[in-house]
């Protein structure tokens, strides 16, 4: 086979490139390009937890989560994220599924390194049923320490997998 001359390939490529489009809010890259404020991260935190809970867990714990845990997540975001860094921070868009603890992470758009990680773990103390343990980890302590946000009781029966 003989490859076509480079001049033909260059001409084809320029024809295939669409006109410049400014991404709108629904575009996946648009949120990363816009400056963020604390309200943006709080709104995204609520959305990511709703995705994490899914249709089976969400309706059961949503009211308790909204009144007990969400305010603590918002408080933590206000406390841990520095206003001058907000424009460079990005929140992950997919919570962990199955038995994964990840709700969402906030990371630097410049370095790609996590700044804070919000997680939920399923605990089963002996004879006490299942509990959802909400906590976060910070880059400052190499994500070693669990910073507790609170617990919500599920039931004596095993909870469904996340996002179902």
N, C-alpha and C. Protein backbone atom coordinates (compact mmCIF):
# COMPACT_ATOMS: atom_id res chain seq x y z
N UNK A 1 0.83 -1.18 0.00
CA UNK A 1 0.00 0.00 0.00
C UNK A 1 0.87 1.24 0.00
N UNK A 2 0.36 2.28 -0.62
CA UNK A 2 1.07 3.54 -0.68
C UNK A 2 0.24 4.57 0.09
N UNK A 3 0.90 5.29 0.98
CA UNK A 3 0.22 6.32 1.77
C UNK A 3 0.00 7.55 0.90
N UNK A 4 -1.14 8.25 1.09
CA UNK A 4 -1.37 9.46 0.31
C UNK A 4 -0.40 10.56 0.73
N UNK A 5 -0.12 11.50 -0.15
CA UNK A 5 0.80 12.58 0.18
C UNK A 5 0.28 13.40 1.37
N UNK A 6 1.20 13.94 2.15
CA UNK A 6 0.87 14.70 3.35
C UNK A 6 -0.05 15.89 3.03
N UNK A 7 0.11 16.50 1.86
CA UNK A 7 -0.71 17.66 1.51
C UNK A 7 -2.20 17.28 1.42
N UNK A 8 -2.50 16.09 0.93
CA UNK A 8 -3.89 15.65 0.87
C UNK A 8 -4.46 15.39 2.26
N UNK A 9 -3.64 14.79 3.13
CA UNK A 9 -4.09 14.53 4.49
C UNK A 9 -4.37 15.82 5.24
N UNK A 10 -3.50 16.81 5.08
CA UNK A 10 -3.67 18.09 5.76
C UNK A 10 -4.96 18.76 5.30
N UNK A 11 -5.24 18.68 4.01
CA UNK A 11 -6.44 19.30 3.47
C UNK A 11 -7.69 18.62 4.02
N UNK A 12 -7.67 17.27 4.12
CA UNK A 12 -8.81 16.53 4.66
C UNK A 12 -9.05 16.89 6.12
N UNK A 13 -7.99 16.98 6.90
CA UNK A 13 -8.11 17.29 8.33
C UNK A 13 -8.76 18.65 8.54
N UNK A 14 -8.37 19.64 7.73
CA UNK A 14 -8.94 20.97 7.92
C UNK A 14 -10.43 20.98 7.59
N UNK A 15 -10.86 20.16 6.66
CA UNK A 15 -12.27 20.09 6.32
C UNK A 15 -13.08 19.40 7.42
N UNK A 16 -12.47 18.46 8.14
CA UNK A 16 -13.18 17.71 9.17
C UNK A 16 -13.31 18.48 10.48
N UNK A 17 -12.50 19.48 10.70
CA UNK A 17 -12.54 20.22 11.96
C UNK A 17 -13.76 21.12 11.96
N UNK A 18 -14.67 20.96 12.95
CA UNK A 18 -15.87 21.79 12.97
C UNK A 18 -15.53 23.22 13.35
N UNK A 19 -16.51 24.10 13.13
CA UNK A 19 -16.32 25.48 13.54
C UNK A 19 -16.11 25.52 15.05
N UNK A 20 -15.44 26.55 15.52
CA UNK A 20 -15.18 26.67 16.94
C UNK A 20 -16.49 26.75 17.70
N UNK A 21 -16.62 25.89 18.71
CA UNK A 21 -17.83 25.84 19.51
C UNK A 21 -17.45 26.13 20.95
N UNK A 22 -18.17 27.05 21.56
CA UNK A 22 -17.95 27.31 22.97
C UNK A 22 -18.84 26.35 23.73
N UNK A 23 -18.22 25.48 24.56
CA UNK A 23 -19.04 24.47 25.22
C UNK A 23 -20.03 25.10 26.19
N UNK A 24 -21.23 24.53 26.23
CA UNK A 24 -22.26 24.99 27.16
C UNK A 24 -22.18 24.21 28.46
N UNK A 25 -23.04 24.52 29.43
CA UNK A 25 -23.00 23.86 30.72
C UNK A 25 -23.16 22.35 30.66
N UNK A 26 -23.86 21.83 29.65
CA UNK A 26 -24.05 20.38 29.57
C UNK A 26 -22.83 19.67 29.02
N UNK A 27 -21.90 20.38 28.43
CA UNK A 27 -20.71 19.78 27.86
C UNK A 27 -19.77 19.33 28.97
N UNK A 28 -19.13 18.17 28.78
CA UNK A 28 -18.30 17.61 29.85
C UNK A 28 -17.11 18.48 30.20
N UNK A 29 -16.54 19.19 29.25
CA UNK A 29 -15.38 20.01 29.55
C UNK A 29 -15.72 21.41 30.01
N UNK A 30 -16.96 21.81 29.90
CA UNK A 30 -17.35 23.17 30.21
C UNK A 30 -17.16 23.51 31.67
N UNK A 31 -17.52 22.61 32.57
CA UNK A 31 -17.43 22.90 33.98
C UNK A 31 -15.98 23.10 34.41
N UNK A 32 -15.08 22.35 33.78
CA UNK A 32 -13.67 22.47 34.15
C UNK A 32 -13.09 23.80 33.73
N UNK A 33 -13.65 24.42 32.70
CA UNK A 33 -13.11 25.67 32.19
C UNK A 33 -13.65 26.89 32.92
N UNK A 34 -14.74 26.73 33.67
CA UNK A 34 -15.36 27.86 34.34
C UNK A 34 -14.81 28.03 35.75
N UNK A 35 -14.71 29.27 36.22
CA UNK A 35 -14.29 29.47 37.61
C UNK A 35 -15.36 28.93 38.55
N UNK A 36 -14.94 28.29 39.61
CA UNK A 36 -15.87 27.70 40.55
C UNK A 36 -15.88 28.48 41.85
N UNK A 37 -17.01 28.48 42.52
CA UNK A 37 -17.10 29.06 43.84
C UNK A 37 -17.56 27.97 44.81
N UNK A 38 -17.64 28.30 46.09
CA UNK A 38 -18.02 27.30 47.08
C UNK A 38 -19.41 26.72 46.81
N UNK A 39 -20.33 27.56 46.34
CA UNK A 39 -21.68 27.08 46.05
C UNK A 39 -21.68 26.02 44.96
N UNK A 40 -20.81 26.19 43.97
CA UNK A 40 -20.69 25.19 42.91
C UNK A 40 -20.29 23.84 43.49
N UNK A 41 -19.28 23.83 44.37
CA UNK A 41 -18.81 22.57 44.94
C UNK A 41 -19.86 21.95 45.86
N UNK A 42 -20.61 22.78 46.58
CA UNK A 42 -21.68 22.27 47.44
C UNK A 42 -22.79 21.62 46.59
N UNK A 43 -23.15 22.29 45.51
CA UNK A 43 -24.18 21.77 44.62
C UNK A 43 -23.74 20.45 43.99
N UNK A 44 -22.50 20.40 43.54
CA UNK A 44 -21.97 19.19 42.94
C UNK A 44 -21.87 18.05 43.98
N UNK A 45 -21.53 18.39 45.21
CA UNK A 45 -21.44 17.38 46.28
C UNK A 45 -22.79 16.70 46.47
N UNK A 46 -23.84 17.49 46.51
CA UNK A 46 -25.19 16.91 46.68
C UNK A 46 -25.53 16.02 45.49
N UNK A 47 -25.25 16.49 44.30
CA UNK A 47 -25.54 15.70 43.10
C UNK A 47 -24.77 14.39 43.06
N UNK A 48 -23.50 14.43 43.45
CA UNK A 48 -22.69 13.22 43.42
C UNK A 48 -23.16 12.20 44.46
N UNK A 49 -23.60 12.68 45.62
CA UNK A 49 -24.10 11.74 46.63
C UNK A 49 -25.41 11.11 46.17
N UNK A 50 -26.27 11.87 45.49
CA UNK A 50 -27.51 11.30 44.97
C UNK A 50 -27.21 10.20 43.95
N UNK A 51 -26.20 10.45 43.09
CA UNK A 51 -25.80 9.42 42.14
C UNK A 51 -25.27 8.19 42.86
N UNK A 52 -24.46 8.40 43.88
CA UNK A 52 -23.87 7.30 44.65
C UNK A 52 -24.96 6.44 45.27
N UNK A 53 -25.97 7.06 45.87
CA UNK A 53 -27.01 6.31 46.56
C UNK A 53 -27.86 5.47 45.62
N UNK A 54 -28.10 5.98 44.43
CA UNK A 54 -28.93 5.26 43.49
C UNK A 54 -30.39 5.23 43.91
N UNK A 55 -31.19 4.46 43.20
CA UNK A 55 -32.64 4.45 43.41
C UNK A 55 -33.08 3.55 44.56
N UNK A 56 -32.19 2.69 45.05
CA UNK A 56 -32.57 1.79 46.15
C UNK A 56 -32.18 2.36 47.51
N UNK A 57 -31.00 2.90 47.63
CA UNK A 57 -30.53 3.43 48.91
C UNK A 57 -31.04 4.86 49.11
N UNK A 58 -31.01 5.66 48.06
CA UNK A 58 -31.37 7.08 48.14
C UNK A 58 -32.68 7.38 48.85
N UNK A 59 -33.79 6.80 48.40
CA UNK A 59 -35.07 7.13 49.04
C UNK A 59 -35.13 6.77 50.53
N UNK A 60 -34.36 5.78 50.94
CA UNK A 60 -34.39 5.33 52.33
C UNK A 60 -33.61 6.27 53.26
N UNK A 61 -32.47 6.77 52.79
CA UNK A 61 -31.61 7.57 53.69
C UNK A 61 -31.55 9.05 53.32
N UNK A 62 -32.18 9.46 52.24
CA UNK A 62 -32.03 10.83 51.73
C UNK A 62 -32.36 11.90 52.76
N UNK A 63 -33.47 11.76 53.47
CA UNK A 63 -33.88 12.79 54.42
C UNK A 63 -32.86 12.91 55.56
N UNK A 64 -32.43 11.79 56.09
CA UNK A 64 -31.45 11.82 57.17
C UNK A 64 -30.10 12.34 56.67
N UNK A 65 -29.72 11.95 55.46
CA UNK A 65 -28.48 12.43 54.86
C UNK A 65 -28.53 13.95 54.70
N UNK A 66 -29.63 14.46 54.13
CA UNK A 66 -29.75 15.90 53.88
C UNK A 66 -29.72 16.72 55.17
N UNK A 67 -30.24 16.17 56.25
CA UNK A 67 -30.27 16.94 57.50
C UNK A 67 -29.02 16.77 58.36
N UNK A 68 -28.37 15.60 58.30
CA UNK A 68 -27.23 15.35 59.19
C UNK A 68 -25.85 15.39 58.50
N UNK A 69 -25.74 14.78 57.35
CA UNK A 69 -24.42 14.60 56.72
C UNK A 69 -24.10 15.71 55.72
N UNK A 70 -25.04 16.06 54.86
CA UNK A 70 -24.78 17.08 53.84
C UNK A 70 -24.30 18.41 54.43
N UNK A 71 -24.91 18.91 55.51
CA UNK A 71 -24.39 20.16 56.08
C UNK A 71 -22.93 20.04 56.54
N UNK A 72 -22.54 18.86 57.00
CA UNK A 72 -21.15 18.65 57.42
C UNK A 72 -20.21 18.60 56.21
N UNK A 73 -20.68 18.02 55.11
CA UNK A 73 -19.88 18.02 53.88
C UNK A 73 -19.69 19.46 53.41
N UNK A 74 -20.76 20.25 53.41
CA UNK A 74 -20.69 21.65 52.99
C UNK A 74 -19.76 22.45 53.90
N UNK A 75 -19.86 22.20 55.19
CA UNK A 75 -18.99 22.87 56.17
C UNK A 75 -17.52 22.52 55.91
N UNK A 76 -17.26 21.26 55.61
CA UNK A 76 -15.90 20.80 55.33
C UNK A 76 -15.37 21.45 54.07
N UNK A 77 -16.19 21.54 53.04
CA UNK A 77 -15.78 22.19 51.79
C UNK A 77 -15.40 23.64 52.07
N UNK A 78 -16.23 24.34 52.85
CA UNK A 78 -15.92 25.75 53.19
C UNK A 78 -14.62 25.86 53.98
N UNK A 79 -14.40 24.92 54.88
CA UNK A 79 -13.23 24.97 55.75
C UNK A 79 -11.95 24.58 55.03
N UNK A 80 -12.01 23.56 54.18
CA UNK A 80 -10.79 22.99 53.60
C UNK A 80 -10.38 23.57 52.26
N UNK A 81 -11.31 24.12 51.49
CA UNK A 81 -10.96 24.66 50.18
C UNK A 81 -10.69 26.15 50.31
N UNK A 82 -9.51 26.54 49.90
CA UNK A 82 -9.11 27.95 49.99
C UNK A 82 -9.69 28.71 48.79
N UNK A 83 -10.32 29.87 49.05
CA UNK A 83 -10.98 30.62 47.97
C UNK A 83 -10.06 30.92 46.78
N UNK A 84 -8.79 31.19 47.04
CA UNK A 84 -7.87 31.51 45.93
C UNK A 84 -7.53 30.28 45.08
N UNK A 85 -7.81 29.08 45.58
CA UNK A 85 -7.52 27.85 44.83
C UNK A 85 -8.74 27.33 44.06
N UNK A 86 -9.92 27.85 44.35
CA UNK A 86 -11.15 27.30 43.79
C UNK A 86 -11.15 27.24 42.27
N UNK A 87 -10.61 28.23 41.62
CA UNK A 87 -10.68 28.26 40.15
C UNK A 87 -9.87 27.14 39.50
N UNK A 88 -8.94 26.54 40.27
CA UNK A 88 -8.12 25.45 39.73
C UNK A 88 -8.57 24.07 40.19
N UNK A 89 -9.65 24.02 40.97
CA UNK A 89 -10.10 22.74 41.50
C UNK A 89 -11.23 22.15 40.66
N UNK A 90 -11.27 20.82 40.62
CA UNK A 90 -12.26 20.09 39.84
C UNK A 90 -12.83 18.99 40.73
N UNK A 91 -14.12 18.73 40.58
CA UNK A 91 -14.76 17.65 41.33
C UNK A 91 -15.00 16.49 40.38
N UNK A 92 -14.74 15.28 40.85
CA UNK A 92 -14.95 14.10 40.00
C UNK A 92 -16.44 13.98 39.69
N UNK A 93 -16.74 13.39 38.55
CA UNK A 93 -18.12 13.33 38.09
C UNK A 93 -18.74 11.95 38.19
N UNK A 94 -17.99 10.95 38.66
CA UNK A 94 -18.55 9.60 38.77
C UNK A 94 -18.21 9.02 40.13
N UNK A 95 -19.24 8.77 40.95
CA UNK A 95 -18.97 8.12 42.23
C UNK A 95 -18.60 6.66 42.02
N UNK A 96 -17.96 6.07 43.02
CA UNK A 96 -17.63 4.65 42.96
C UNK A 96 -18.90 3.82 42.99
N UNK A 97 -18.89 2.70 42.30
CA UNK A 97 -20.06 1.82 42.25
C UNK A 97 -19.79 0.55 43.05
N UNK A 98 -20.78 -0.32 43.11
CA UNK A 98 -20.62 -1.59 43.81
C UNK A 98 -20.41 -1.38 45.30
N UNK A 99 -19.25 -1.79 45.79
CA UNK A 99 -18.92 -1.63 47.21
C UNK A 99 -17.84 -0.57 47.44
N UNK A 100 -17.48 0.16 46.41
CA UNK A 100 -16.46 1.22 46.51
C UNK A 100 -16.90 2.32 47.48
N UNK A 101 -15.95 2.88 48.22
CA UNK A 101 -16.25 3.93 49.19
C UNK A 101 -16.39 5.31 48.56
N UNK A 102 -15.83 5.53 47.41
CA UNK A 102 -15.75 6.87 46.81
C UNK A 102 -17.12 7.47 46.52
N UNK A 103 -17.35 8.67 47.08
CA UNK A 103 -18.51 9.48 46.69
C UNK A 103 -18.02 10.45 45.62
N UNK A 104 -17.03 11.30 45.99
CA UNK A 104 -16.39 12.19 45.03
C UNK A 104 -15.06 12.66 45.61
N UNK A 105 -14.19 13.08 44.73
CA UNK A 105 -12.91 13.66 45.10
C UNK A 105 -12.85 15.06 44.50
N UNK A 106 -12.13 15.95 45.17
CA UNK A 106 -11.84 17.27 44.61
C UNK A 106 -10.34 17.30 44.40
N UNK A 107 -9.95 17.66 43.18
CA UNK A 107 -8.52 17.60 42.85
C UNK A 107 -8.09 18.85 42.10
N UNK A 108 -6.77 19.04 42.03
CA UNK A 108 -6.19 20.18 41.33
C UNK A 108 -6.23 19.95 39.83
N UNK A 109 -6.75 20.92 39.10
CA UNK A 109 -6.75 20.83 37.65
C UNK A 109 -5.36 21.00 37.06
N UNK A 110 -4.46 21.61 37.84
CA UNK A 110 -3.09 21.83 37.37
C UNK A 110 -2.23 20.59 37.54
N UNK A 111 -2.32 19.94 38.71
CA UNK A 111 -1.45 18.81 39.00
C UNK A 111 -2.14 17.47 38.85
N UNK A 112 -3.49 17.46 38.89
CA UNK A 112 -4.23 16.21 38.83
C UNK A 112 -4.26 15.47 40.16
N UNK A 113 -3.68 16.07 41.20
CA UNK A 113 -3.61 15.41 42.51
C UNK A 113 -4.83 15.76 43.36
N UNK A 114 -5.33 14.75 44.07
CA UNK A 114 -6.48 14.95 44.95
C UNK A 114 -6.12 15.90 46.08
N UNK A 115 -7.10 16.71 46.47
CA UNK A 115 -6.97 17.63 47.60
C UNK A 115 -7.77 17.08 48.77
N UNK A 116 -8.98 16.59 48.47
CA UNK A 116 -9.87 16.05 49.49
C UNK A 116 -10.70 14.93 48.86
N UNK A 117 -10.94 13.88 49.65
CA UNK A 117 -11.72 12.73 49.17
C UNK A 117 -12.89 12.49 50.13
N UNK A 118 -14.09 12.47 49.61
CA UNK A 118 -15.28 12.17 50.41
C UNK A 118 -15.72 10.74 50.13
N UNK A 119 -15.86 9.97 51.20
CA UNK A 119 -16.17 8.55 51.09
C UNK A 119 -17.31 8.15 52.00
N UNK A 120 -17.90 7.00 51.71
CA UNK A 120 -18.87 6.36 52.59
C UNK A 120 -18.51 4.87 52.64
N UNK A 121 -18.46 4.35 53.85
CA UNK A 121 -18.12 2.95 54.06
C UNK A 121 -19.31 2.27 54.72
N UNK A 122 -19.52 1.01 54.38
CA UNK A 122 -20.58 0.23 55.03
C UNK A 122 -19.95 -0.52 56.18
N UNK A 123 -20.43 -0.25 57.40
CA UNK A 123 -19.94 -0.93 58.60
C UNK A 123 -21.01 -1.88 59.10
N UNK A 124 -20.56 -2.95 59.76
CA UNK A 124 -21.49 -3.90 60.36
C UNK A 124 -20.95 -4.31 61.74
N UNK A 125 -21.19 -3.47 62.74
CA UNK A 125 -20.77 -3.86 64.09
C UNK A 125 -21.52 -5.13 64.51
N UNK A 126 -20.89 -6.02 65.25
CA UNK A 126 -21.54 -7.29 65.64
C UNK A 126 -22.90 -7.06 66.30
N UNK A 127 -23.91 -7.73 65.76
CA UNK A 127 -25.25 -7.68 66.32
C UNK A 127 -25.95 -6.34 66.18
N UNK A 128 -25.47 -5.46 65.33
CA UNK A 128 -26.01 -4.09 65.28
C UNK A 128 -26.54 -3.70 63.90
N UNK A 129 -26.57 -4.57 62.93
CA UNK A 129 -27.05 -4.21 61.61
C UNK A 129 -26.00 -3.43 60.82
N UNK A 130 -26.42 -2.83 59.72
CA UNK A 130 -25.51 -2.12 58.82
C UNK A 130 -25.63 -0.61 58.99
N UNK A 131 -24.50 0.03 58.95
CA UNK A 131 -24.41 1.49 59.06
C UNK A 131 -23.60 2.04 57.90
N UNK A 132 -23.98 3.22 57.42
CA UNK A 132 -23.19 3.93 56.43
C UNK A 132 -22.34 4.96 57.18
N UNK A 133 -21.03 4.83 57.06
CA UNK A 133 -20.08 5.70 57.75
C UNK A 133 -19.54 6.71 56.74
N UNK A 134 -19.91 7.97 56.90
CA UNK A 134 -19.47 9.04 56.00
C UNK A 134 -18.24 9.71 56.59
N UNK A 135 -17.23 9.89 55.76
CA UNK A 135 -15.98 10.48 56.23
C UNK A 135 -15.23 11.09 55.04
N UNK A 136 -14.15 11.80 55.35
CA UNK A 136 -13.32 12.35 54.28
C UNK A 136 -11.86 12.19 54.64
N UNK A 137 -11.01 12.32 53.63
CA UNK A 137 -9.56 12.22 53.76
C UNK A 137 -8.93 13.47 53.15
N UNK A 138 -7.81 13.91 53.71
CA UNK A 138 -7.12 15.11 53.22
C UNK A 138 -5.72 14.79 52.70
N UNK A 139 -5.32 15.54 51.69
CA UNK A 139 -3.96 15.39 51.16
C UNK A 139 -2.93 15.74 52.23
N UNK A 140 -3.26 16.67 53.12
CA UNK A 140 -2.33 17.13 54.15
C UNK A 140 -1.82 16.03 55.06
N UNK A 141 -2.60 14.95 55.24
CA UNK A 141 -2.13 13.83 56.06
C UNK A 141 -1.97 12.57 55.21
N UNK A 142 -1.71 12.79 53.92
CA UNK A 142 -1.53 11.70 52.94
C UNK A 142 -2.73 10.77 52.88
N UNK A 143 -3.91 11.30 53.16
CA UNK A 143 -5.17 10.55 53.09
C UNK A 143 -5.22 9.38 54.07
N UNK A 144 -4.42 9.44 55.11
CA UNK A 144 -4.35 8.36 56.10
C UNK A 144 -5.47 8.43 57.13
N UNK A 145 -5.80 9.63 57.60
CA UNK A 145 -6.75 9.80 58.68
C UNK A 145 -8.19 9.86 58.16
N UNK A 146 -9.09 9.20 58.90
CA UNK A 146 -10.52 9.30 58.62
C UNK A 146 -11.06 10.48 59.42
N UNK A 147 -11.61 11.46 58.72
CA UNK A 147 -12.25 12.60 59.37
C UNK A 147 -13.75 12.31 59.32
N UNK A 148 -14.33 11.97 60.44
CA UNK A 148 -15.71 11.52 60.51
C UNK A 148 -16.71 12.65 60.21
N UNK A 149 -17.73 12.31 59.44
CA UNK A 149 -18.84 13.23 59.17
C UNK A 149 -20.12 12.75 59.86
N UNK A 150 -20.26 11.45 60.02
CA UNK A 150 -21.43 10.90 60.68
C UNK A 150 -21.79 9.53 60.13
N UNK A 151 -22.80 8.92 60.79
CA UNK A 151 -23.26 7.59 60.40
C UNK A 151 -24.77 7.59 60.25
N UNK A 152 -25.23 6.74 59.33
CA UNK A 152 -26.67 6.56 59.14
C UNK A 152 -26.95 5.05 59.17
N UNK A 153 -27.94 4.66 59.96
CA UNK A 153 -28.31 3.25 60.07
C UNK A 153 -29.07 2.82 58.83
N UNK A 154 -28.75 1.62 58.33
CA UNK A 154 -29.46 1.07 57.18
C UNK A 154 -30.54 0.09 57.64
N UNK A 155 -30.10 -1.09 58.11
CA UNK A 155 -31.02 -2.17 58.43
C UNK A 155 -30.17 -3.36 58.87
N UNK A 156 -30.83 -4.42 59.30
CA UNK A 156 -30.10 -5.66 59.60
C UNK A 156 -29.76 -6.42 58.33
N UNK A 157 -30.49 -6.17 57.27
CA UNK A 157 -30.24 -6.82 55.98
C UNK A 157 -29.14 -6.09 55.23
N UNK A 158 -28.39 -6.83 54.43
CA UNK A 158 -27.30 -6.26 53.64
C UNK A 158 -27.84 -5.20 52.68
N UNK A 159 -27.23 -4.01 52.66
CA UNK A 159 -27.69 -2.96 51.73
C UNK A 159 -27.34 -3.34 50.29
N UNK A 160 -28.11 -2.83 49.33
CA UNK A 160 -27.76 -3.06 47.93
C UNK A 160 -26.46 -2.37 47.57
N UNK A 161 -25.90 -2.75 46.44
CA UNK A 161 -24.68 -2.10 45.96
C UNK A 161 -24.97 -0.63 45.63
N UNK A 162 -23.95 0.20 45.69
CA UNK A 162 -24.11 1.62 45.38
C UNK A 162 -24.50 1.82 43.92
N UNK A 163 -25.18 2.89 43.66
CA UNK A 163 -25.65 3.38 42.35
C UNK A 163 -26.70 2.49 41.70
N UNK A 164 -27.28 1.58 42.41
CA UNK A 164 -28.36 0.74 41.84
C UNK A 164 -29.71 1.29 42.24
